[in-house]
N, C-alpha and C. Protein backbone atom coordinates (compact mmCIF):
# COMPACT_ATOMS: atom_id res chain seq x y z
N UNK A 1 154.81 59.52 36.10
CA UNK A 1 154.81 59.46 34.59
C UNK A 1 153.62 60.39 34.02
N UNK A 2 153.80 61.00 32.79
CA UNK A 2 153.26 61.83 31.98
C UNK A 2 152.84 61.54 30.85
N UNK A 3 151.55 62.42 30.47
CA UNK A 3 151.06 61.93 29.28
C UNK A 3 151.13 63.39 28.35
N UNK A 4 152.00 63.58 27.26
CA UNK A 4 152.02 64.92 26.66
C UNK A 4 151.33 64.85 25.39
N UNK A 5 150.46 65.58 25.14
CA UNK A 5 149.44 65.54 24.14
C UNK A 5 149.75 67.27 23.55
N UNK A 6 150.37 67.03 22.27
CA UNK A 6 150.58 68.28 21.58
C UNK A 6 149.76 68.24 20.16
N UNK A 7 149.26 69.53 19.95
CA UNK A 7 148.47 69.69 18.58
C UNK A 7 149.21 70.86 17.96
N UNK A 8 149.42 70.67 16.52
CA UNK A 8 150.58 71.17 16.00
C UNK A 8 150.03 71.25 14.59
N UNK A 9 150.74 72.14 13.61
CA UNK A 9 150.19 72.37 12.38
C UNK A 9 150.83 71.09 11.60
N UNK A 10 149.90 70.66 10.58
CA UNK A 10 150.16 69.40 9.66
C UNK A 10 151.73 69.35 9.20
N UNK A 11 152.22 70.58 8.53
CA UNK A 11 153.19 70.46 7.72
C UNK A 11 154.62 70.56 9.04
N UNK A 12 154.49 70.53 10.06
CA UNK A 12 155.57 70.36 11.10
C UNK A 12 155.60 69.10 11.66
N UNK A 13 154.75 68.08 11.31
CA UNK A 13 154.92 66.79 11.76
C UNK A 13 156.02 66.10 11.55
N UNK A 14 156.65 66.02 10.54
CA UNK A 14 158.03 65.49 10.31
C UNK A 14 159.24 66.02 11.07
N UNK A 15 158.98 67.32 11.29
CA UNK A 15 160.20 67.95 11.94
C UNK A 15 160.10 67.67 13.42
N UNK A 16 158.87 67.59 14.11
CA UNK A 16 158.66 67.36 15.32
C UNK A 16 158.99 65.62 15.69
N UNK A 17 158.57 64.94 14.71
CA UNK A 17 159.05 63.37 14.65
C UNK A 17 160.51 63.26 14.81
N UNK A 18 161.10 64.04 13.90
CA UNK A 18 162.58 63.73 13.72
C UNK A 18 163.26 64.39 14.95
N UNK A 19 162.79 65.41 15.38
CA UNK A 19 163.64 66.04 16.75
C UNK A 19 163.10 65.13 17.92
N UNK A 20 162.02 64.44 18.07
CA UNK A 20 161.75 63.75 19.00
C UNK A 20 162.75 62.31 19.18
N UNK A 21 162.67 61.76 17.80
CA UNK A 21 163.96 60.56 17.69
C UNK A 21 165.32 60.99 18.03
N UNK A 22 165.39 62.32 17.75
CA UNK A 22 166.94 62.71 18.00
C UNK A 22 166.95 62.70 19.43
N UNK A 23 166.11 62.89 20.49
CA UNK A 23 166.36 62.92 21.66
C UNK A 23 166.20 61.57 22.58
N UNK A 24 165.87 60.57 21.64
CA UNK A 24 165.76 59.24 22.19
C UNK A 24 164.30 58.83 22.55
N UNK A 25 163.52 59.45 21.89
CA UNK A 25 162.11 59.05 22.08
C UNK A 25 161.70 57.83 21.51
N UNK A 26 161.28 56.67 21.94
CA UNK A 26 161.00 55.62 21.32
C UNK A 26 159.68 55.25 20.55
N UNK A 27 158.55 55.96 21.26
CA UNK A 27 157.22 55.67 20.64
C UNK A 27 156.27 56.74 20.83
N UNK A 28 155.42 57.11 20.00
CA UNK A 28 154.33 57.93 20.00
C UNK A 28 153.15 57.59 19.19
N UNK A 29 152.12 58.27 19.69
CA UNK A 29 150.83 57.92 18.74
C UNK A 29 150.54 59.45 17.90
N UNK A 30 150.25 59.26 16.48
CA UNK A 30 150.08 60.54 16.07
C UNK A 30 148.75 60.46 15.25
N UNK A 31 147.80 61.49 15.49
CA UNK A 31 146.45 61.18 14.69
C UNK A 31 146.27 62.67 14.11
N UNK A 32 145.76 62.36 13.07
CA UNK A 32 144.95 63.75 12.25
C UNK A 32 143.84 64.14 12.78
N UNK A 33 143.53 65.42 13.30
CA UNK A 33 142.33 65.76 14.00
C UNK A 33 142.23 67.35 13.35
N UNK A 34 140.78 67.77 13.72
CA UNK A 34 140.34 69.31 13.33
C UNK A 34 140.05 69.96 14.48
N UNK A 35 140.20 71.14 14.30
CA UNK A 35 139.77 71.97 15.42
C UNK A 35 140.42 73.50 15.20
N UNK A 36 140.08 74.40 16.19
CA UNK A 36 140.40 75.57 16.19
C UNK A 36 140.52 76.31 17.48
N UNK A 37 141.17 77.53 17.80
CA UNK A 37 141.56 78.23 18.88
C UNK A 37 141.10 79.51 18.40
N UNK A 38 142.19 80.47 18.85
CA UNK A 38 142.21 81.78 18.64
C UNK A 38 142.11 82.04 17.01
N UNK A 39 142.77 81.12 16.25
CA UNK A 39 142.83 81.22 14.71
C UNK A 39 141.46 81.14 14.14
N UNK A 40 140.29 80.54 14.59
CA UNK A 40 138.99 80.85 14.32
C UNK A 40 138.61 80.29 12.89
N UNK A 41 139.53 79.63 12.21
CA UNK A 41 139.26 79.05 10.99
C UNK A 41 139.40 80.14 9.91
N UNK A 42 138.86 80.14 8.82
CA UNK A 42 138.92 81.23 7.66
C UNK A 42 137.98 80.69 6.68
N UNK A 43 137.97 81.71 5.80
CA UNK A 43 136.96 81.40 4.49
C UNK A 43 137.93 81.14 3.28
N UNK A 44 136.98 80.34 2.37
CA UNK A 44 137.89 79.85 1.07
C UNK A 44 136.81 80.24 0.04
N UNK A 45 137.29 80.38 -1.10
CA UNK A 45 136.40 80.35 -2.54
C UNK A 45 136.41 79.10 -3.06
N UNK A 46 135.37 78.70 -3.61
CA UNK A 46 135.19 77.38 -3.95
C UNK A 46 134.13 77.55 -5.25
N UNK A 47 134.47 77.47 -6.49
CA UNK A 47 133.45 77.85 -7.78
C UNK A 47 132.86 78.92 -7.44
N UNK A 48 133.44 80.00 -7.22
CA UNK A 48 132.96 81.34 -7.15
C UNK A 48 132.17 81.77 -5.76
N UNK A 49 132.00 80.64 -4.98
CA UNK A 49 131.25 80.79 -3.73
C UNK A 49 132.10 80.85 -2.59
N UNK A 50 131.93 81.80 -1.69
CA UNK A 50 132.75 81.90 -0.52
C UNK A 50 132.17 80.98 0.70
N UNK A 51 132.93 80.21 1.38
CA UNK A 51 132.39 79.61 2.60
C UNK A 51 133.29 79.57 3.76
N UNK A 52 133.05 79.21 4.80
CA UNK A 52 133.77 79.22 5.95
C UNK A 52 134.20 78.02 6.39
N UNK A 53 135.48 77.99 6.64
CA UNK A 53 136.29 76.76 7.18
C UNK A 53 136.31 76.96 8.92
N UNK A 54 135.36 76.33 9.71
CA UNK A 54 135.77 76.42 10.80
C UNK A 54 136.77 75.63 11.72
N UNK A 55 136.75 74.32 11.40
CA UNK A 55 137.62 73.44 11.82
C UNK A 55 139.00 73.23 10.97
N UNK A 56 140.04 73.38 11.47
CA UNK A 56 141.35 73.47 10.71
C UNK A 56 141.95 72.14 10.82
N UNK A 57 142.81 71.72 9.62
CA UNK A 57 143.44 70.43 10.14
C UNK A 57 144.63 70.58 10.91
N UNK A 58 144.92 69.63 11.85
CA UNK A 58 145.96 69.83 13.02
C UNK A 58 146.42 68.28 12.97
N UNK A 59 147.61 68.17 13.58
CA UNK A 59 148.22 66.78 14.01
C UNK A 59 148.36 66.79 15.57
N UNK A 60 147.95 65.50 16.06
CA UNK A 60 147.58 65.43 17.50
C UNK A 60 149.08 64.36 17.89
N UNK A 61 150.04 64.65 18.61
CA UNK A 61 150.83 63.71 19.13
C UNK A 61 150.65 63.43 20.64
N UNK A 62 150.47 62.09 20.87
CA UNK A 62 150.38 61.47 22.09
C UNK A 62 151.27 60.79 22.80
N UNK A 63 152.25 61.15 23.94
CA UNK A 63 153.36 60.47 24.13
C UNK A 63 153.47 60.37 25.78
N UNK A 64 153.59 59.10 25.80
CA UNK A 64 153.64 58.81 27.54
C UNK A 64 155.20 58.77 27.70
N UNK A 65 155.69 59.57 28.74
CA UNK A 65 157.12 59.31 29.26
C UNK A 65 157.29 59.45 30.82
N UNK A 66 158.44 59.24 31.18
CA UNK A 66 158.68 59.34 32.75
C UNK A 66 158.86 60.74 33.10
N UNK A 67 158.47 61.00 34.30
CA UNK A 67 158.47 62.30 34.87
C UNK A 67 159.59 63.20 34.44
N UNK A 68 160.65 62.71 34.62
CA UNK A 68 162.08 63.52 34.45
C UNK A 68 162.17 63.44 32.95
N UNK A 69 161.56 63.22 31.93
CA UNK A 69 161.92 63.25 30.62
C UNK A 69 160.92 64.28 29.96
N UNK A 70 159.74 64.76 30.78
CA UNK A 70 158.62 65.33 30.21
C UNK A 70 159.09 66.72 29.81
N UNK A 71 159.79 67.68 30.78
CA UNK A 71 160.29 68.84 30.16
C UNK A 71 161.10 68.92 29.00
N UNK A 72 161.85 68.02 28.84
CA UNK A 72 162.79 68.01 27.63
C UNK A 72 162.16 67.65 26.27
N UNK A 73 160.90 66.63 26.52
CA UNK A 73 159.90 66.46 25.31
C UNK A 73 159.03 67.76 24.94
N UNK A 74 158.72 68.42 25.73
CA UNK A 74 157.86 69.73 25.70
C UNK A 74 158.75 70.67 24.96
N UNK A 75 160.01 70.79 25.55
CA UNK A 75 160.96 71.76 24.87
C UNK A 75 161.11 71.43 23.44
N UNK A 76 161.27 70.18 23.13
CA UNK A 76 161.89 69.61 21.89
C UNK A 76 160.65 70.00 21.01
N UNK A 77 159.47 69.82 21.22
CA UNK A 77 158.19 69.97 20.32
C UNK A 77 158.06 71.53 20.32
N UNK A 78 158.19 72.16 21.11
CA UNK A 78 158.16 73.89 21.14
C UNK A 78 158.99 74.22 19.88
N UNK A 79 160.48 73.83 20.33
CA UNK A 79 161.42 74.30 19.28
C UNK A 79 161.11 73.76 17.83
N UNK A 80 160.80 72.73 17.67
CA UNK A 80 160.59 72.07 16.37
C UNK A 80 159.19 72.43 15.68
N UNK A 81 158.35 72.77 16.45
CA UNK A 81 157.00 72.93 15.84
C UNK A 81 156.49 74.62 15.79
N UNK A 82 157.32 75.14 16.26
CA UNK A 82 157.16 76.74 16.49
C UNK A 82 157.19 77.41 15.24
N UNK A 83 156.43 78.29 14.50
CA UNK A 83 156.65 78.98 13.46
C UNK A 83 156.47 80.58 13.70
N UNK A 84 156.08 80.85 14.93
CA UNK A 84 155.73 82.17 15.28
C UNK A 84 154.41 82.84 14.79
N UNK A 85 153.80 82.13 14.14
CA UNK A 85 152.24 82.52 13.68
C UNK A 85 151.29 81.93 14.57
N UNK A 86 150.05 82.49 14.35
CA UNK A 86 148.69 81.94 15.05
C UNK A 86 148.38 80.70 14.53
N UNK A 87 148.18 79.84 15.41
CA UNK A 87 147.64 78.40 15.06
C UNK A 87 148.79 77.44 15.14
N UNK A 88 150.06 77.89 15.89
CA UNK A 88 151.19 77.04 16.03
C UNK A 88 150.75 75.75 17.00
N UNK A 89 149.54 76.01 17.95
CA UNK A 89 149.18 74.69 18.52
C UNK A 89 149.24 75.02 20.05
N UNK A 90 149.36 73.68 20.80
CA UNK A 90 149.18 73.74 22.13
C UNK A 90 149.84 72.30 22.61
N UNK A 91 150.22 72.31 23.91
CA UNK A 91 150.73 71.32 24.37
C UNK A 91 150.10 71.04 25.81
N UNK A 92 149.69 69.98 26.21
CA UNK A 92 149.09 69.63 27.42
C UNK A 92 150.05 68.38 27.96
N UNK A 93 150.14 68.60 29.44
CA UNK A 93 150.77 67.71 29.98
C UNK A 93 149.94 67.18 31.27
N UNK A 94 149.60 65.95 31.26
CA UNK A 94 148.62 65.41 32.11
C UNK A 94 149.42 64.25 32.96
N UNK A 95 148.89 63.95 34.20
CA UNK A 95 149.50 62.87 34.98
C UNK A 95 148.94 61.66 34.54
N UNK A 96 149.75 60.54 34.54
CA UNK A 96 149.01 59.21 34.10
C UNK A 96 149.09 58.53 35.49
N UNK A 97 148.13 57.86 35.71
CA UNK A 97 148.01 57.05 36.83
C UNK A 97 148.64 55.56 36.89
N UNK A 98 148.29 55.15 35.65
CA UNK A 98 148.81 53.64 35.53
C UNK A 98 148.77 53.30 33.97
N UNK A 99 149.82 52.67 33.59
CA UNK A 99 150.06 52.11 32.21
C UNK A 99 150.27 50.52 32.44
N UNK A 100 149.71 49.73 31.26
CA UNK A 100 149.86 48.55 31.31
C UNK A 100 150.25 47.97 29.82
N UNK A 101 151.55 47.48 29.48
CA UNK A 101 151.70 46.87 28.22
C UNK A 101 150.84 45.77 27.96
N UNK A 102 150.18 45.51 27.14
CA UNK A 102 149.31 44.39 26.95
C UNK A 102 149.92 42.93 26.55
N UNK A 103 151.16 43.23 25.63
CA UNK A 103 151.59 42.01 25.34
C UNK A 103 152.26 41.26 26.38
N UNK A 104 153.16 42.13 27.36
CA UNK A 104 153.98 41.37 28.46
C UNK A 104 153.14 41.40 29.76
N UNK A 105 152.24 42.37 30.07
CA UNK A 105 151.80 42.52 31.24
C UNK A 105 152.65 43.61 32.20
N UNK A 106 153.71 44.12 31.61
CA UNK A 106 154.58 45.14 32.26
C UNK A 106 153.80 46.38 32.51
N UNK A 107 153.97 47.03 33.55
CA UNK A 107 153.22 48.07 34.11
C UNK A 107 154.03 49.44 34.52
N UNK A 108 153.53 50.39 34.47
CA UNK A 108 154.10 51.71 34.63
C UNK A 108 155.28 52.08 34.09
N UNK A 109 156.49 52.40 34.65
CA UNK A 109 157.83 52.87 33.94
C UNK A 109 158.28 51.72 33.14
N UNK A 110 158.05 50.50 33.56
CA UNK A 110 158.42 49.46 32.73
C UNK A 110 157.60 49.24 31.44
N UNK A 111 156.26 49.68 31.33
CA UNK A 111 155.36 49.70 30.03
C UNK A 111 155.77 50.77 29.24
N UNK A 112 156.49 51.95 29.74
CA UNK A 112 156.67 52.93 28.58
C UNK A 112 157.51 52.66 27.40
């Protein structure tokens, strides 16, 4: 089992969600987060004063999938979130040791 964590631009959230639904993904967790990488934030003007915005708004998807489905999910996220500009985001794929569905007590693949 794999945990796919994708950090993307906020305006691409609906595109990614719809693309994942089209390939049959049943569940995901989405969180509004802030951060920066090479993009390094930017400066803005507010009431005539310039100030630096270091942490930019992003969307974080967390998706648990079976091993054989992970590559398809990553490819779908890349194709639906990519703008070709700096700040498009990153995708992290990590191994999951165990999953338990709280309601039923199902574990691992059955709990996904």
